[in-house]
PDB file of N, CA and C in Angstrom:
ATOM      1  N   MET A   1      92.210 -41.834  66.809  1.00  0.00           N
ATOM      2  CA  MET A   1      91.141 -41.947  67.769  1.00  0.00           C
ATOM      3  C   MET A   1      89.775 -41.863  67.090  1.00  0.00           C
ATOM      4  N   LEU A   2      89.671 -41.006  66.063  1.00  0.00           N
ATOM      5  CA  LEU A   2      88.386 -40.874  65.376  1.00  0.00           C
ATOM      6  C   LEU A   2      88.008 -42.187  64.711  1.00  0.00           C
ATOM      7  N   ASP A   3      88.956 -42.840  64.033  1.00  0.00           N
ATOM      8  CA  ASP A   3      88.653 -44.119  63.393  1.00  0.00           C
ATOM      9  C   ASP A   3      88.190 -45.148  64.424  1.00  0.00           C
ATOM     10  N   ALA A   4      88.859 -45.189  65.566  1.00  0.00           N
ATOM     11  CA  ALA A   4      88.461 -46.128  66.619  1.00  0.00           C
ATOM     12  C   ALA A   4      87.057 -45.809  67.128  1.00  0.00           C
ATOM     13  N   ALA A   5      86.731 -44.527  67.240  1.00  0.00           N
ATOM     14  CA  ALA A   5      85.415 -44.116  67.737  1.00  0.00           C
ATOM     15  C   ALA A   5      84.294 -44.439  66.753  1.00  0.00           C
ATOM     16  N   LEU A   6      84.650 -44.716  65.501  1.00  0.00           N
ATOM     17  CA  LEU A   6      83.648 -45.026  64.479  1.00  0.00           C
ATOM     18  C   LEU A   6      83.459 -46.529  64.261  1.00  0.00           C
ATOM     19  N   LYS A   7      84.204 -47.361  64.967  1.00  0.00           N
ATOM     20  CA  LYS A   7      84.077 -48.813  64.804  1.00  0.00           C
ATOM     21  C   LYS A   7      82.715 -49.274  65.318  1.00  0.00           C
ATOM     22  N   PRO A   8      82.118 -50.258  64.637  1.00  0.00           N
ATOM     23  CA  PRO A   8      80.794 -50.744  65.045  1.00  0.00           C
ATOM     24  C   PRO A   8      80.737 -51.191  66.502  1.00  0.00           C
ATOM     25  N   GLU A   9      81.801 -51.839  66.982  1.00  0.00           N
ATOM     26  CA  GLU A   9      81.768 -52.307  68.369  1.00  0.00           C
ATOM     27  C   GLU A   9      81.778 -51.141  69.365  1.00  0.00           C
ATOM     28  N   VAL A  10      82.439 -50.041  69.013  1.00  0.00           N
ATOM     29  CA  VAL A  10      82.431 -48.861  69.883  1.00  0.00           C
ATOM     30  C   VAL A  10      81.044 -48.222  69.874  1.00  0.00           C
ATOM     31  N   ILE A  11      80.447 -48.160  68.704  1.00  0.00           N
ATOM     32  CA  ILE A  11      79.087 -47.619  68.608  1.00  0.00           C
ATOM     33  C   ILE A  11      78.130 -48.485  69.431  1.00  0.00           C
ATOM     34  N   GLY A  12      78.325 -49.808  69.392  1.00  0.00           N
ATOM     35  CA  GLY A  12      77.500 -50.714  70.192  1.00  0.00           C
ATOM     36  C   GLY A  12      77.684 -50.492  71.681  1.00  0.00           C
ATOM     37  N   ILE A  13      78.931 -50.305  72.106  1.00  0.00           N
ATOM     38  CA  ILE A  13      79.200 -50.040  73.525  1.00  0.00           C
ATOM     39  C   ILE A  13      78.573 -48.716  73.940  1.00  0.00           C
ATOM     40  N   GLU A  14      78.661 -47.717  73.059  1.00  0.00           N
ATOM     41  CA  GLU A  14      78.051 -46.417  73.356  1.00  0.00           C
ATOM     42  C   GLU A  14      76.541 -46.562  73.523  1.00  0.00           C
ATOM     43  N   THR A  15      75.928 -47.364  72.671  1.00  0.00           N
ATOM     44  CA  THR A  15      74.491 -47.606  72.766  1.00  0.00           C
ATOM     45  C   THR A  15      74.155 -48.258  74.104  1.00  0.00           C
ATOM     46  N   LEU A  16      74.966 -49.237  74.501  1.00  0.00           N
ATOM     47  CA  LEU A  16      74.766 -49.898  75.791  1.00  0.00           C
ATOM     48  C   LEU A  16      74.959 -48.912  76.944  1.00  0.00           C
ATOM     49  N   ALA A  17      75.999 -48.091  76.874  1.00  0.00           N
ATOM     50  CA  ALA A  17      76.259 -47.102  77.928  1.00  0.00           C
ATOM     51  C   ALA A  17      75.096 -46.120  78.047  1.00  0.00           C
ATOM     52  N   THR A  18      74.569 -45.701  76.915  1.00  0.00           N
ATOM     53  CA  THR A  18      73.424 -44.786  76.928  1.00  0.00           C
ATOM     54  C   THR A  18      72.214 -45.459  77.557  1.00  0.00           C
ATOM     55  N   TRP A  19      71.982 -46.718  77.201  1.00  0.00           N
ATOM     56  CA  TRP A  19      70.873 -47.477  77.765  1.00  0.00           C
ATOM     57  C   TRP A  19      71.012 -47.571  79.285  1.00  0.00           C
ATOM     58  N   ILE A  20      72.223 -47.879  79.765  1.00  0.00           N
ATOM     59  CA  ILE A  20      72.476 -47.984  81.208  1.00  0.00           C
ATOM     60  C   ILE A  20      72.261 -46.633  81.881  1.00  0.00           C
ATOM     61  N   PHE A  21      72.806 -45.579  81.278  1.00  0.00           N
ATOM     62  CA  PHE A  21      72.689 -44.235  81.851  1.00  0.00           C
ATOM     63  C   PHE A  21      71.230 -43.800  81.951  1.00  0.00           C
ATOM     64  N   GLU A  22      70.467 -44.059  80.892  1.00  0.00           N
ATOM     65  CA  GLU A  22      69.057 -43.661  80.887  1.00  0.00           C
ATOM     66  C   GLU A  22      68.257 -44.380  81.963  1.00  0.00           C
ATOM     67  N   ARG A  23      68.690 -45.564  82.333  1.00  0.00           N
ATOM     68  CA  ARG A  23      67.984 -46.336  83.357  1.00  0.00           C
ATOM     69  C   ARG A  23      68.592 -46.130  84.743  1.00  0.00           C
ATOM     70  N   LYS A  24      69.580 -45.235  84.816  1.00  0.00           N
ATOM     71  CA  LYS A  24      70.227 -44.868  86.081  1.00  0.00           C
ATOM     72  C   LYS A  24      70.761 -46.086  86.831  1.00  0.00           C
ATOM     73  N   LEU A  25      71.373 -46.998  86.095  1.00  0.00           N
ATOM     74  CA  LEU A  25      71.960 -48.184  86.711  1.00  0.00           C
ATOM     75  C   LEU A  25      73.325 -47.839  87.301  1.00  0.00           C
ATOM     76  N   GLU A  26      73.817 -48.660  88.194  1.00  0.00           N
ATOM     77  CA  GLU A  26      75.051 -48.390  88.929  1.00  0.00           C
ATOM     78  C   GLU A  26      76.292 -48.256  88.050  1.00  0.00           C
ATOM     79  N   ALA A  27      76.337 -48.882  86.918  1.00  0.00           N
ATOM     80  CA  ALA A  27      77.541 -48.874  86.085  1.00  0.00           C
ATOM     81  C   ALA A  27      77.833 -47.523  85.454  1.00  0.00           C
ATOM     82  N   GLN A  28      76.916 -46.595  85.528  1.00  0.00           N
ATOM     83  CA  GLN A  28      77.086 -45.332  84.813  1.00  0.00           C
ATOM     84  C   GLN A  28      78.329 -44.558  85.236  1.00  0.00           C
ATOM     85  N   LEU A  29      78.753 -44.639  86.470  1.00  0.00           N
ATOM     86  CA  LEU A  29      79.893 -43.851  86.920  1.00  0.00           C
ATOM     87  C   LEU A  29      81.177 -44.244  86.204  1.00  0.00           C
ATOM     88  N   SER A  30      81.412 -45.522  86.017  1.00  0.00           N
ATOM     89  CA  SER A  30      82.652 -45.941  85.367  1.00  0.00           C
ATOM     90  C   SER A  30      82.580 -45.847  83.851  1.00  0.00           C
ATOM     91  N   ILE A  31      81.413 -45.848  83.276  1.00  0.00           N
ATOM     92  CA  ILE A  31      81.277 -45.816  81.823  1.00  0.00           C
ATOM     93  C   ILE A  31      81.545 -44.438  81.248  1.00  0.00           C
ATOM     94  N   HIS A  32      81.232 -43.375  81.962  1.00  0.00           N
ATOM     95  CA  HIS A  32      81.320 -42.041  81.383  1.00  0.00           C
ATOM     96  C   HIS A  32      82.678 -41.364  81.544  1.00  0.00           C
ATOM     97  N   ARG A  33      83.713 -42.081  81.917  1.00  0.00           N
ATOM     98  CA  ARG A  33      85.052 -41.501  81.931  1.00  0.00           C
ATOM     99  C   ARG A  33      85.492 -41.304  80.494  1.00  0.00           C
ATOM    100  N   ASN A  34      86.324 -40.319  80.266  1.00  0.00           N
ATOM    101  CA  ASN A  34      86.753 -40.008  78.905  1.00  0.00           C
ATOM    102  C   ASN A  34      88.236 -40.315  78.739  1.00  0.00           C
ATOM    103  N   PRO A  35      88.583 -41.555  78.352  1.00  0.00           N
ATOM    104  CA  PRO A  35      89.999 -41.899  78.214  1.00  0.00           C
ATOM    105  C   PRO A  35      90.685 -41.122  77.096  1.00  0.00           C
ATOM    106  N   GLY A  36      89.955 -40.714  76.084  1.00  0.00           N
ATOM    107  CA  GLY A  36      90.557 -39.929  74.998  1.00  0.00           C
ATOM    108  C   GLY A  36      91.059 -38.589  75.490  1.00  0.00           C
ATOM    109  N   ALA A  37      90.241 -37.901  76.259  1.00  0.00           N
ATOM    110  CA  ALA A  37      90.659 -36.607  76.809  1.00  0.00           C
ATOM    111  C   ALA A  37      91.794 -36.797  77.800  1.00  0.00           C
ATOM    112  N   SER A  38      91.779 -37.891  78.560  1.00  0.00           N
ATOM    113  CA  SER A  38      92.869 -38.158  79.507  1.00  0.00           C
ATOM    114  C   SER A  38      94.188 -38.360  78.778  1.00  0.00           C
ATOM    115  N   LEU A  39      94.156 -39.068  77.666  1.00  0.00           N
ATOM    116  CA  LEU A  39      95.366 -39.271  76.869  1.00  0.00           C
ATOM    117  C   LEU A  39      95.900 -37.944  76.354  1.00  0.00           C
ATOM    118  N   ILE A  40      95.032 -37.114  75.836  1.00  0.00           N
ATOM    119  CA  ILE A  40      95.444 -35.797  75.338  1.00  0.00           C
ATOM    120  C   ILE A  40      96.005 -34.960  76.485  1.00  0.00           C
ATOM    121  N   GLN A  41      95.363 -35.028  77.643  1.00  0.00           N
ATOM    122  CA  GLN A  41      95.846 -34.260  78.796  1.00  0.00           C
ATOM    123  C   GLN A  41      97.251 -34.709  79.185  1.00  0.00           C
ATOM    124  N   ASP A  42      97.508 -36.002  79.163  1.00  0.00           N
ATOM    125  CA  ASP A  42      98.851 -36.502  79.478  1.00  0.00           C
ATOM    126  C   ASP A  42      99.888 -35.945  78.510  1.00  0.00           C
ATOM    127  N   LEU A  43      99.532 -35.867  77.238  1.00  0.00           N
ATOM    128  CA  LEU A  43     100.462 -35.352  76.233  1.00  0.00           C
ATOM    129  C   LEU A  43     100.762 -33.868  76.440  1.00  0.00           C
ATOM    130  N   LEU A  44      99.803 -33.129  76.947  1.00  0.00           N
ATOM    131  CA  LEU A  44      99.968 -31.684  77.135  1.00  0.00           C
ATOM    132  C   LEU A  44     100.656 -31.312  78.452  1.00  0.00           C
ATOM    133  N   THR A  45     100.698 -32.226  79.395  1.00  0.00           N
ATOM    134  CA  THR A  45     101.149 -31.910  80.747  1.00  0.00           C
ATOM    135  C   THR A  45     102.551 -31.324  80.801  1.00  0.00           C
ATOM    136  N   GLU A  46     103.498 -31.918  80.116  1.00  0.00           N
ATOM    137  CA  GLU A  46     104.885 -31.436  80.171  1.00  0.00           C
ATOM    138  C   GLU A  46     104.994 -29.978  79.744  1.00  0.00           C
ATOM    139  N   GLU A  47     104.415 -29.638  78.613  1.00  0.00           N
ATOM    140  CA  GLU A  47     104.484 -28.257  78.119  1.00  0.00           C
ATOM    141  C   GLU A  47     103.746 -27.307  79.057  1.00  0.00           C
ATOM    142  N   ALA A  48     102.654 -27.757  79.613  1.00  0.00           N
ATOM    143  CA  ALA A  48     101.886 -26.904  80.522  1.00  0.00           C
ATOM    144  C   ALA A  48     102.685 -26.586  81.782  1.00  0.00           C
ATOM    145  N   ARG A  49     103.454 -27.551  82.265  1.00  0.00           N
ATOM    146  CA  ARG A  49     104.289 -27.298  83.445  1.00  0.00           C
ATOM    147  C   ARG A  49     105.302 -26.203  83.156  1.00  0.00           C
ATOM    148  N   VAL A  50     105.888 -26.268  81.976  1.00  0.00           N
ATOM    149  CA  VAL A  50     106.877 -25.267  81.588  1.00  0.00           C
ATOM    150  C   VAL A  50     106.250 -23.879  81.576  1.00  0.00           C
ATOM    151  N   ARG A  51     105.015 -23.794  81.171  1.00  0.00           N
ATOM    152  CA  ARG A  51     104.350 -22.491  81.024  1.00  0.00           C
ATOM    153  C   ARG A  51     103.457 -22.114  82.198  1.00  0.00           C
ATOM    154  N   ASN A  52     103.433 -22.940  83.234  1.00  0.00           N
ATOM    155  CA  ASN A  52     102.646 -22.637  84.433  1.00  0.00           C
ATOM    156  C   ASN A  52     101.147 -22.508  84.161  1.00  0.00           C
ATOM    157  N   ILE A  53     100.594 -23.369  83.347  1.00  0.00           N
ATOM    158  CA  ILE A  53      99.152 -23.305  83.056  1.00  0.00           C
ATOM    159  C   ILE A  53      98.480 -24.662  83.257  1.00  0.00           C
ATOM    160  N   GLU A  54      98.986 -25.446  84.182  1.00  0.00           N
ATOM    161  CA  GLU A  54      98.460 -26.794  84.397  1.00  0.00           C
ATOM    162  C   GLU A  54      96.975 -26.825  84.750  1.00  0.00           C
ATOM    163  N   GLU A  55      96.481 -25.799  85.416  1.00  0.00           N
ATOM    164  CA  GLU A  55      95.076 -25.809  85.841  1.00  0.00           C
ATOM    165  C   GLU A  55      94.112 -25.793  84.657  1.00  0.00           C
ATOM    166  N   ASP A  56      94.559 -25.365  83.487  1.00  0.00           N
ATOM    167  CA  ASP A  56      93.705 -25.323  82.298  1.00  0.00           C
ATOM    168  C   ASP A  56      93.674 -26.646  81.534  1.00  0.00           C
ATOM    169  N   LEU A  57      94.551 -27.580  81.880  1.00  0.00           N
ATOM    170  CA  LEU A  57      94.687 -28.800  81.086  1.00  0.00           C
ATOM    171  C   LEU A  57      93.443 -29.673  80.996  1.00  0.00           C
ATOM    172  N   PRO A  58      92.724 -29.957  82.059  1.00  0.00           N
ATOM    173  CA  PRO A  58      91.549 -30.817  81.904  1.00  0.00           C
ATOM    174  C   PRO A  58      90.541 -30.247  80.898  1.00  0.00           C
ATOM    175  N   PHE A  59      90.285 -28.955  80.974  1.00  0.00           N
ATOM    176  CA  PHE A  59      89.360 -28.331  80.028  1.00  0.00           C
ATOM    177  C   PHE A  59      89.926 -28.376  78.614  1.00  0.00           C
ATOM    178  N   LEU A  60      91.197 -28.028  78.454  1.00  0.00           N
ATOM    179  CA  LEU A  60      91.821 -28.010  77.131  1.00  0.00           C
ATOM    180  C   LEU A  60      91.839 -29.402  76.512  1.00  0.00           C
ATOM    181  N   ALA A  61      92.171 -30.415  77.300  1.00  0.00           N
ATOM    182  CA  ALA A  61      92.208 -31.787  76.784  1.00  0.00           C
ATOM    183  C   ALA A  61      90.826 -32.234  76.315  1.00  0.00           C
ATOM    184  N   ALA A  62      89.802 -31.954  77.105  1.00  0.00           N
ATOM    185  CA  ALA A  62      88.438 -32.321  76.706  1.00  0.00           C
ATOM    186  C   ALA A  62      88.014 -31.551  75.460  1.00  0.00           C
ATOM    187  N   PHE A  63      88.397 -30.283  75.384  1.00  0.00           N
ATOM    188  CA  PHE A  63      88.070 -29.450  74.227  1.00  0.00           C
ATOM    189  C   PHE A  63      88.724 -30.004  72.959  1.00  0.00           C
ATOM    190  N   ILE A  64      90.007 -30.365  73.047  1.00  0.00           N
ATOM    191  CA  ILE A  64      90.715 -30.921  71.888  1.00  0.00           C
ATOM    192  C   ILE A  64      90.097 -32.253  71.482  1.00  0.00           C
ATOM    193  N   PHE A  65      89.775 -33.096  72.465  1.00  0.00           N
ATOM    194  CA  PHE A  65      89.152 -34.380  72.159  1.00  0.00           C
ATOM    195  C   PHE A  65      87.819 -34.174  71.449  1.00  0.00           C
ATOM    196  N   ASP A  66      87.018 -33.243  71.930  1.00  0.00           N
ATOM    197  CA  ASP A  66      85.739 -32.957  71.276  1.00  0.00           C
ATOM    198  C   ASP A  66      85.939 -32.436  69.857  1.00  0.00           C
ATOM    199  N   ALA A  67      86.925 -31.566  69.677  1.00  0.00           N
ATOM    200  CA  ALA A  67      87.167 -30.982  68.351  1.00  0.00           C
ATOM    201  C   ALA A  67      87.716 -32.003  67.364  1.00  0.00           C
ATOM    202  N   THR A  68      88.491 -32.970  67.853  1.00  0.00           N
ATOM    203  CA  THR A  68      89.139 -33.910  66.937  1.00  0.00           C
ATOM    204  C   THR A  68      88.459 -35.270  66.848  1.00  0.00           C
ATOM    205  N   VAL A  69      87.631 -35.621  67.826  1.00  0.00           N
ATOM    206  CA  VAL A  69      87.000 -36.945  67.810  1.00  0.00           C
ATOM    207  C   VAL A  69      85.477 -36.853  67.935  1.00  0.00           C
ATOM    208  N   THR A  70      84.996 -36.300  69.032  1.00  0.00           N
ATOM    209  CA  THR A  70      83.555 -36.295  69.286  1.00  0.00           C
ATOM    210  C   THR A  70      82.784 -35.525  68.216  1.00  0.00           C
ATOM    211  N   GLY A  71      83.259 -34.335  67.889  1.00  0.00           N
ATOM    212  CA  GLY A  71      82.581 -33.511  66.881  1.00  0.00           C
ATOM    213  C   GLY A  71      82.532 -34.154  65.508  1.00  0.00           C
ATOM    214  N   PRO A  72      83.696 -34.553  64.955  1.00  0.00           N
ATOM    215  CA  PRO A  72      83.649 -35.176  63.635  1.00  0.00           C
ATOM    216  C   PRO A  72      82.883 -36.502  63.625  1.00  0.00           C
ATOM    217  N   ARG A  73      82.933 -37.230  64.737  1.00  0.00           N
ATOM    218  CA  ARG A  73      82.183 -38.485  64.814  1.00  0.00           C
ATOM    219  C   ARG A  73      80.684 -38.200  64.693  1.00  0.00           C
ATOM    220  N   ALA A  74      80.220 -37.183  65.398  1.00  0.00           N
ATOM    221  CA  ALA A  74      78.804 -36.804  65.299  1.00  0.00           C
ATOM    222  C   ALA A  74      78.467 -36.323  63.895  1.00  0.00           C
ATOM    223  N   ARG A  75      79.376 -35.593  63.278  1.00  0.00           N
ATOM    224  CA  ARG A  75      79.132 -35.118  61.913  1.00  0.00           C
ATOM    225  C   ARG A  75      79.036 -36.289  60.941  1.00  0.00           C
ATOM    226  N   ILE A  76      79.828 -37.333  61.168  1.00  0.00           N
ATOM    227  CA  ILE A  76      79.801 -38.505  60.286  1.00  0.00           C
ATOM    228  C   ILE A  76      78.557 -39.351  60.544  1.00  0.00           C
ATOM    229  N   LEU A  77      78.293 -39.671  61.805  1.00  0.00           N
ATOM    230  CA  LEU A  77      77.218 -40.610  62.133  1.00  0.00           C
ATOM    231  C   LEU A  77      75.833 -39.986  62.212  1.00  0.00           C
ATOM    232  N   LEU A  78      75.733 -38.766  62.716  1.00  0.00           N
ATOM    233  CA  LEU A  78      74.417 -38.169  62.945  1.00  0.00           C
ATOM    234  C   LEU A  78      74.036 -37.134  61.893  1.00  0.00           C
ATOM    235  N   ARG A  79      74.880 -36.139  61.737  1.00  0.00           N
ATOM    236  CA  ARG A  79      74.563 -35.060  60.789  1.00  0.00           C
ATOM    237  C   ARG A  79      74.837 -35.454  59.348  1.00  0.00           C
ATOM    238  N   LYS A  80      75.752 -36.383  59.161  1.00  0.00           N
ATOM    239  CA  LYS A  80      76.115 -36.896  57.833  1.00  0.00           C
ATOM    240  C   LYS A  80      76.599 -35.794  56.889  1.00  0.00           C
ATOM    241  N   ASP A  81      77.317 -34.799  57.447  1.00  0.00           N
ATOM    242  CA  ASP A  81      77.873 -33.741  56.604  1.00  0.00           C
ATOM    243  C   ASP A  81      79.401 -33.803  56.528  1.00  0.00           C
ATOM    244  N   LEU A  82      79.976 -34.910  57.016  1.00  0.00           N
ATOM    245  CA  LEU A  82      81.406 -35.176  56.877  1.00  0.00           C
ATOM    246  C   LEU A  82      81.541 -36.614  56.407  1.00  0.00           C
ATOM    247  N   ALA A  83      82.241 -36.807  55.305  1.00  0.00           N
ATOM    248  CA  ALA A  83      82.390 -38.154  54.754  1.00  0.00           C
ATOM    249  C   ALA A  83      83.254 -39.014  55.666  1.00  0.00           C
ATOM    250  N   ASN A  84      82.917 -40.290  55.749  1.00  0.00           N
ATOM    251  CA  ASN A  84      83.698 -41.239  56.540  1.00  0.00           C
ATOM    252  C   ASN A  84      84.803 -41.828  55.666  1.00  0.00           C
ATOM    253  N   THR A  85      85.659 -40.961  55.159  1.00  0.00           N
ATOM    254  CA  THR A  85      86.788 -41.382  54.331  1.00  0.00           C
ATOM    255  C   THR A  85      88.074 -40.893  54.975  1.00  0.00           C
ATOM    256  N   ALA A  86      89.154 -41.575  54.674  1.00  0.00           N
ATOM    257  CA  ALA A  86      90.451 -41.171  55.229  1.00  0.00           C
ATOM    258  C   ALA A  86      90.781 -39.736  54.836  1.00  0.00           C
ATOM    259  N   ARG A  87      90.508 -39.389  53.603  1.00  0.00           N
ATOM    260  CA  ARG A  87      90.833 -38.042  53.128  1.00  0.00           C
ATOM    261  C   ARG A  87      90.037 -36.968  53.878  1.00  0.00           C
ATOM    262  N   ALA A  88      88.730 -37.169  54.001  1.00  0.00           N
ATOM    263  CA  ALA A  88      87.886 -36.176  54.681  1.00  0.00           C
ATOM    264  C   ALA A  88      88.289 -36.032  56.146  1.00  0.00           C
ATOM    265  N   LYS A  89      88.571 -37.159  56.806  1.00  0.00           N
ATOM    266  CA  LYS A  89      88.961 -37.105  58.218  1.00  0.00           C
ATOM    267  C   LYS A  89      90.332 -36.455  58.383  1.00  0.00           C
ATOM    268  N   THR A  90      91.251 -36.754  57.477  1.00  0.00           N
ATOM    269  CA  THR A  90      92.584 -36.145  57.539  1.00  0.00           C
ATOM    270  C   THR A  90      92.502 -34.642  57.328  1.00  0.00           C
ATOM    271  N   GLU A  91      91.722 -34.219  56.342  1.00  0.00           N
ATOM    272  CA  GLU A  91      91.558 -32.785  56.084  1.00  0.00           C
ATOM    273  C   GLU A  91      90.901 -32.085  57.275  1.00  0.00           C
ATOM    274  N   HIS A  92      89.890 -32.720  57.851  1.00  0.00           N
ATOM    275  CA  HIS A  92      89.221 -32.135  59.016  1.00  0.00           C
ATOM    276  C   HIS A  92      90.203 -32.006  60.181  1.00  0.00           C
ATOM    277  N   LEU A  93      90.976 -33.047  60.436  1.00  0.00           N
ATOM    278  CA  LEU A  93      91.939 -33.012  61.532  1.00  0.00           C
ATOM    279  C   LEU A  93      92.999 -31.940  61.303  1.00  0.00           C
ATOM    280  N   ALA A  94      93.502 -31.841  60.080  1.00  0.00           N
ATOM    281  CA  ALA A  94      94.520 -30.832  59.773  1.00  0.00           C
ATOM    282  C   ALA A  94      93.971 -29.420  59.975  1.00  0.00           C
ATOM    283  N   GLN A  95      92.774 -29.177  59.483  1.00  0.00           N
ATOM    284  CA  GLN A  95      92.168 -27.851  59.628  1.00  0.00           C
ATOM    285  C   GLN A  95      91.884 -27.545  61.103  1.00  0.00           C
ATOM    286  N   THR A  96      91.396 -28.530  61.829  1.00  0.00           N
ATOM    287  CA  THR A  96      91.102 -28.344  63.249  1.00  0.00           C
ATOM    288  C   THR A  96      92.369 -28.045  64.035  1.00  0.00           C
ATOM    289  N   MET A  97      93.422 -28.832  63.806  1.00  0.00           N
ATOM    290  CA  MET A  97      94.667 -28.622  64.551  1.00  0.00           C
ATOM    291  C   MET A  97      95.323 -27.297  64.182  1.00  0.00           C
ATOM    292  N   ASP A  98      95.216 -26.899  62.926  1.00  0.00           N
ATOM    293  CA  ASP A  98      95.763 -25.603  62.523  1.00  0.00           C
ATOM    294  C   ASP A  98      95.037 -24.474  63.255  1.00  0.00           C
ATOM    295  N   LEU A  99      93.725 -24.551  63.276  1.00  0.00           N
ATOM    296  CA  LEU A  99      92.937 -23.531  63.969  1.00  0.00           C
ATOM    297  C   LEU A  99      93.251 -23.525  65.465  1.00  0.00           C
ATOM    298  N   LEU A 100      93.307 -24.697  66.070  1.00  0.00           N
ATOM    299  CA  LEU A 100      93.613 -24.781  67.493  1.00  0.00           C
ATOM    300  C   LEU A 100      95.010 -24.254  67.798  1.00  0.00           C
ATOM    301  N   ALA A 101      95.977 -24.566  66.943  1.00  0.00           N
ATOM    302  CA  ALA A 101      97.348 -24.101  67.169  1.00  0.00           C
ATOM    303  C   ALA A 101      97.433 -22.582  67.115  1.00  0.00           C
ATOM    304  N   ARG A 102      96.638 -21.980  66.249  1.00  0.00           N
ATOM    305  CA  ARG A 102      96.637 -20.516  66.171  1.00  0.00           C
ATOM    306  C   ARG A 102      95.896 -19.894  67.350  1.00  0.00           C
ATOM    307  N   ALA A 103      94.893 -20.584  67.858  1.00  0.00           N
ATOM    308  CA  ALA A 103      94.068 -20.028  68.935  1.00  0.00           C
ATOM    309  C   ALA A 103      94.620 -20.324  70.330  1.00  0.00           C
ATOM    310  N   VAL A 104      95.343 -21.430  70.464  1.00  0.00           N
ATOM    311  CA  VAL A 104      95.842 -21.862  71.772  1.00  0.00           C
ATOM    312  C   VAL A 104      97.364 -21.894  71.729  1.00  0.00           C
ATOM    313  N   PRO A 105      98.030 -20.918  72.314  1.00  0.00           N
ATOM    314  CA  PRO A 105      99.492 -20.848  72.236  1.00  0.00           C
ATOM    315  C   PRO A 105     100.207 -22.120  72.693  1.00  0.00           C
ATOM    316  N   LEU A 106      99.642 -22.863  73.619  1.00  0.00           N
ATOM    317  CA  LEU A 106     100.257 -24.098  74.087  1.00  0.00           C
ATOM    318  C   LEU A 106     100.459 -25.096  72.958  1.00  0.00           C
ATOM    319  N   LEU A 107      99.618 -25.023  71.921  1.00  0.00           N
ATOM    320  CA  LEU A 107      99.676 -25.985  70.826  1.00  0.00           C
ATOM    321  C   LEU A 107     100.532 -25.525  69.659  1.00  0.00           C
ATOM    322  N   GLU A 108     101.038 -24.305  69.713  1.00  0.00           N
ATOM    323  CA  GLU A 108     101.868 -23.816  68.619  1.00  0.00           C
ATOM    324  C   GLU A 108     103.189 -24.571  68.602  1.00  0.00           C
ATOM    325  N   PRO A 109     103.786 -24.710  67.422  1.00  0.00           N
ATOM    326  CA  PRO A 109     105.100 -25.349  67.361  1.00  0.00           C
ATOM    327  C   PRO A 109     106.087 -24.619  68.266  1.00  0.00           C
ATOM    328  N   GLU A 110     106.991 -25.372  68.864  1.00  0.00           N
ATOM    329  CA  GLU A 110     107.931 -24.825  69.847  1.00  0.00           C
ATOM    330  C   GLU A 110     108.769 -23.686  69.295  1.00  0.00           C
ATOM    331  N   LEU A 111     109.100 -23.715  68.028  1.00  0.00           N
ATOM    332  CA  LEU A 111     109.937 -22.672  67.446  1.00  0.00           C
ATOM    333  C   LEU A 111     109.315 -21.291  67.589  1.00  0.00           C
ATOM    334  N   GLN A 112     108.007 -21.228  67.578  1.00  0.00           N
ATOM    335  CA  GLN A 112     107.341 -19.935  67.689  1.00  0.00           C
ATOM    336  C   GLN A 112     107.454 -19.356  69.092  1.00  0.00           C
ATOM    337  N   HIS A 113     107.808 -20.195  70.066  1.00  0.00           N
ATOM    338  CA  HIS A 113     107.914 -19.725  71.446  1.00  0.00           C
ATOM    339  C   HIS A 113     109.351 -19.444  71.857  1.00  0.00           C
ATOM    340  N   ALA A 114     110.275 -19.717  70.983  1.00  0.00           N
ATOM    341  CA  ALA A 114     111.674 -19.462  71.318  1.00  0.00           C
ATOM    342  C   ALA A 114     111.885 -17.964  71.490  1.00  0.00           C
ATOM    343  N   PRO A 115     112.712 -17.571  72.460  1.00  0.00           N
ATOM    344  CA  PRO A 115     112.960 -16.140  72.646  1.00  0.00           C
ATOM    345  C   PRO A 115     113.571 -15.523  71.397  1.00  0.00           C
ATOM    346  N   LYS A 116     113.120 -14.344  71.068  1.00  0.00           N
ATOM    347  CA  LYS A 116     113.648 -13.652  69.889  1.00  0.00           C
ATOM    348  C   LYS A 116     114.960 -12.990  70.256  1.00  0.00           C
ATOM    349  N   ARG A 117     115.916 -13.091  69.358  1.00  0.00           N
ATOM    350  CA  ARG A 117     117.242 -12.520  69.625  1.00  0.00           C
ATOM    351  C   ARG A 117     117.476 -11.292  68.824  1.00  0.00           C
TER     352      ARG A 117
END
């Protein structure tokens, strides 16, 4: 998703969406949906049902999307403190997912949730 978010055509669409939003044109409602967070939310839904925490999913999905796509994209394009290389993005994603897995039990590998015997 991060690579797709860095494509020139996506950056161009974002520029257009920002232009439309700033001018308060009618198209703004459909442009600001977040399909990336929706995809992540769909992936989390099954596990959340098992654990009875479905109400947290929209926030968690948006948070994961921001941590794995929006944040690094801004670091690459705006702050320029993350290299736009496969290695840098892979390392960032691995570190982010490791941190998230430790902080959010829903993301931990299933083996860690198995009942202890």
